Amino acid sequence: MTGDRPRPRPDLSVRAVEGEVLVLDRAANQVHQLNVTAGFVWQHCDGRRTAAQIADALTRAFEVDAQMAQEAVRTSLHRFAELGLLDDARG
């Protein structure tokens, strides 16, 4: 699991709606609807936590095993990156 500290692009708008997270990307004219797990990962992408720390939080919050949490975080972060939702700036 990577040691990067993922964070969303600062120009995105985010809303929680009925247990899901909606991410509005005005630059791409797209809305992304995240399920509960991906939404949890998204909400923990704050630029301070590593992917491993997010997986640990997921393990505790959903009472899943560590390997399953790591895979869910890895998959979510990969998808967020593919969609261009993460901030590329390093700081």
C-alpha atoms as a PDB file:
ATOM      1  CA  MET A   1       0.000   0.000   0.000  1.00  0.00           C
ATOM      2  CA  THR A   2       1.354   3.368  -0.970  1.00  0.00           C
ATOM      3  CA  GLY A   3       2.561   5.920   1.548  1.00  0.00           C
ATOM      4  CA  ASP A   4       1.069   8.849  -0.410  1.00  0.00           C
ATOM      5  CA  ARG A   5      -1.348  11.094   1.396  1.00  0.00           C
ATOM      6  CA  PRO A   6      -4.223  11.418  -1.078  1.00  0.00           C
ATOM      7  CA  ARG A   7      -6.404  14.503  -1.164  1.00  0.00           C
ATOM      8  CA  PRO A   8      -9.175  15.645  -3.458  1.00  0.00           C
ATOM      9  CA  ARG A   9      -8.786  18.445  -5.961  1.00  0.00           C
ATOM     10  CA  PRO A  10      -9.738  21.701  -4.250  1.00  0.00           C
ATOM     11  CA  ASP A  11     -12.198  22.704  -6.999  1.00  0.00           C
ATOM     12  CA  LEU A  12     -14.583  19.775  -6.435  1.00  0.00           C
ATOM     13  CA  SER A  13     -17.918  20.083  -4.639  1.00  0.00           C
ATOM     14  CA  VAL A  14     -18.965  17.231  -2.360  1.00  0.00           C
ATOM     15  CA  ARG A  15     -22.335  16.410  -0.818  1.00  0.00           C
ATOM     16  CA  ALA A  16     -23.502  13.485   1.309  1.00  0.00           C
ATOM     17  CA  VAL A  17     -26.941  12.293   0.233  1.00  0.00           C
ATOM     18  CA  GLU A  18     -28.758   9.329   1.796  1.00  0.00           C
ATOM     19  CA  GLY A  19     -25.636   7.397   2.759  1.00  0.00           C
ATOM     20  CA  GLU A  20     -23.765   8.088  -0.472  1.00  0.00           C
ATOM     21  CA  VAL A  21     -21.302  10.766  -1.449  1.00  0.00           C
ATOM     22  CA  LEU A  22     -21.781  12.866  -4.577  1.00  0.00           C
ATOM     23  CA  VAL A  23     -18.704  14.523  -6.082  1.00  0.00           C
ATOM     24  CA  LEU A  24     -19.358  17.316  -8.559  1.00  0.00           C
ATOM     25  CA  ASP A  25     -16.535  17.937 -11.009  1.00  0.00           C
ATOM     26  CA  ARG A  26     -17.541  21.117 -12.815  1.00  0.00           C
ATOM     27  CA  ALA A  27     -14.332  21.158 -14.882  1.00  0.00           C
ATOM     28  CA  ALA A  28     -15.261  17.803 -16.442  1.00  0.00           C
ATOM     29  CA  ASN A  29     -19.008  18.464 -16.218  1.00  0.00           C
ATOM     30  CA  GLN A  30     -19.501  15.210 -14.300  1.00  0.00           C
ATOM     31  CA  VAL A  31     -21.123  14.009 -11.095  1.00  0.00           C
ATOM     32  CA  HIS A  32     -19.700  10.908  -9.402  1.00  0.00           C
ATOM     33  CA  GLN A  33     -21.878   8.895  -7.035  1.00  0.00           C
ATOM     34  CA  LEU A  34     -19.821   6.977  -4.482  1.00  0.00           C
ATOM     35  CA  ASN A  35     -21.160   4.028  -2.533  1.00  0.00           C
ATOM     36  CA  VAL A  36     -20.740   3.825   1.240  1.00  0.00           C
ATOM     37  CA  THR A  37     -17.257   2.279   1.139  1.00  0.00           C
ATOM     38  CA  ALA A  38     -15.861   4.578  -1.553  1.00  0.00           C
ATOM     39  CA  GLY A  39     -17.504   7.516   0.204  1.00  0.00           C
ATOM     40  CA  PHE A  40     -15.767   6.583   3.448  1.00  0.00           C
ATOM     41  CA  VAL A  41     -12.429   6.421   1.638  1.00  0.00           C
ATOM     42  CA  TRP A  42     -13.134   9.760  -0.060  1.00  0.00           C
ATOM     43  CA  GLN A  43     -13.988  11.457   3.215  1.00  0.00           C
ATOM     44  CA  HIS A  44     -10.691  10.263   4.691  1.00  0.00           C
ATOM     45  CA  CYS A  45      -8.612  11.593   1.780  1.00  0.00           C
ATOM     46  CA  ASP A  46      -7.564  14.760   3.549  1.00  0.00           C
ATOM     47  CA  GLY A  47      -3.892  15.023   2.618  1.00  0.00           C
ATOM     48  CA  ARG A  48      -2.872  13.991   6.135  1.00  0.00           C
ATOM     49  CA  ARG A  49      -3.702  10.288   6.155  1.00  0.00           C
ATOM     50  CA  THR A  50      -1.849   7.651   4.183  1.00  0.00           C
ATOM     51  CA  ALA A  51      -3.662   4.925   2.278  1.00  0.00           C
ATOM     52  CA  ALA A  52      -2.665   2.501   5.052  1.00  0.00           C
ATOM     53  CA  GLN A  53      -4.173   4.778   7.696  1.00  0.00           C
ATOM     54  CA  ILE A  54      -7.388   5.046   5.694  1.00  0.00           C
ATOM     55  CA  ALA A  55      -7.509   1.238   5.455  1.00  0.00           C
ATOM     56  CA  ASP A  56      -7.018   0.971   9.230  1.00  0.00           C
ATOM     57  CA  ALA A  57      -9.924   3.377   9.790  1.00  0.00           C
ATOM     58  CA  LEU A  58     -12.070   1.382   7.339  1.00  0.00           C
ATOM     59  CA  THR A  59     -11.225  -1.844   9.191  1.00  0.00           C
ATOM     60  CA  ARG A  60     -12.403  -0.342  12.475  1.00  0.00           C
ATOM     61  CA  ALA A  61     -15.484   1.442  11.108  1.00  0.00           C
ATOM     62  CA  PHE A  62     -16.886  -1.506   9.149  1.00  0.00           C
ATOM     63  CA  GLU A  63     -15.387  -4.354  11.170  1.00  0.00           C
ATOM     64  CA  VAL A  64     -13.825  -5.986   8.099  1.00  0.00           C
ATOM     65  CA  ASP A  65     -10.493  -7.727   7.923  1.00  0.00           C
ATOM     66  CA  ALA A  66      -7.399  -5.684   7.144  1.00  0.00           C
ATOM     67  CA  GLN A  67      -6.752  -7.280   3.752  1.00  0.00           C
ATOM     68  CA  MET A  68     -10.287  -6.538   2.553  1.00  0.00           C
ATOM     69  CA  ALA A  69      -9.999  -2.925   3.761  1.00  0.00           C
ATOM     70  CA  GLN A  70      -6.626  -2.464   2.048  1.00  0.00           C
ATOM     71  CA  GLU A  71      -8.034  -3.757  -1.241  1.00  0.00           C
ATOM     72  CA  ALA A  72     -11.090  -1.495  -0.979  1.00  0.00           C
ATOM     73  CA  VAL A  73      -8.871   1.540  -0.350  1.00  0.00           C
ATOM     74  CA  ARG A  74      -6.470   0.606  -3.133  1.00  0.00           C
ATOM     75  CA  THR A  75      -9.348   0.126  -5.591  1.00  0.00           C
ATOM     76  CA  SER A  76     -11.067   3.362  -4.568  1.00  0.00           C
ATOM     77  CA  LEU A  77      -7.902   5.454  -4.768  1.00  0.00           C
ATOM     78  CA  HIS A  78      -7.041   3.967  -8.151  1.00  0.00           C
ATOM     79  CA  ARG A  79     -10.503   4.839  -9.461  1.00  0.00           C
ATOM     80  CA  PHE A  80     -10.364   8.366  -7.994  1.00  0.00           C
ATOM     81  CA  ALA A  81      -7.020   8.869  -9.743  1.00  0.00           C
ATOM     82  CA  GLU A  82      -8.372   7.512 -13.050  1.00  0.00           C
ATOM     83  CA  LEU A  83     -11.250   9.981 -12.829  1.00  0.00           C
ATOM     84  CA  GLY A  84      -8.830  12.841 -12.110  1.00  0.00           C
ATOM     85  CA  LEU A  85     -10.408  13.594  -8.745  1.00  0.00           C
ATOM     86  CA  LEU A  86      -7.217  13.625  -6.677  1.00  0.00           C
ATOM     87  CA  ASP A  87      -4.934  16.620  -6.299  1.00  0.00           C
ATOM     88  CA  ASP A  88      -1.581  15.985  -7.970  1.00  0.00           C
ATOM     89  CA  ALA A  89       0.160  18.696  -5.935  1.00  0.00           C
ATOM     90  CA  ARG A  90       2.590  17.390  -3.365  1.00  0.00           C
ATOM     91  CA  GLY A  91       3.004  19.306  -0.190  1.00  0.00           C
END
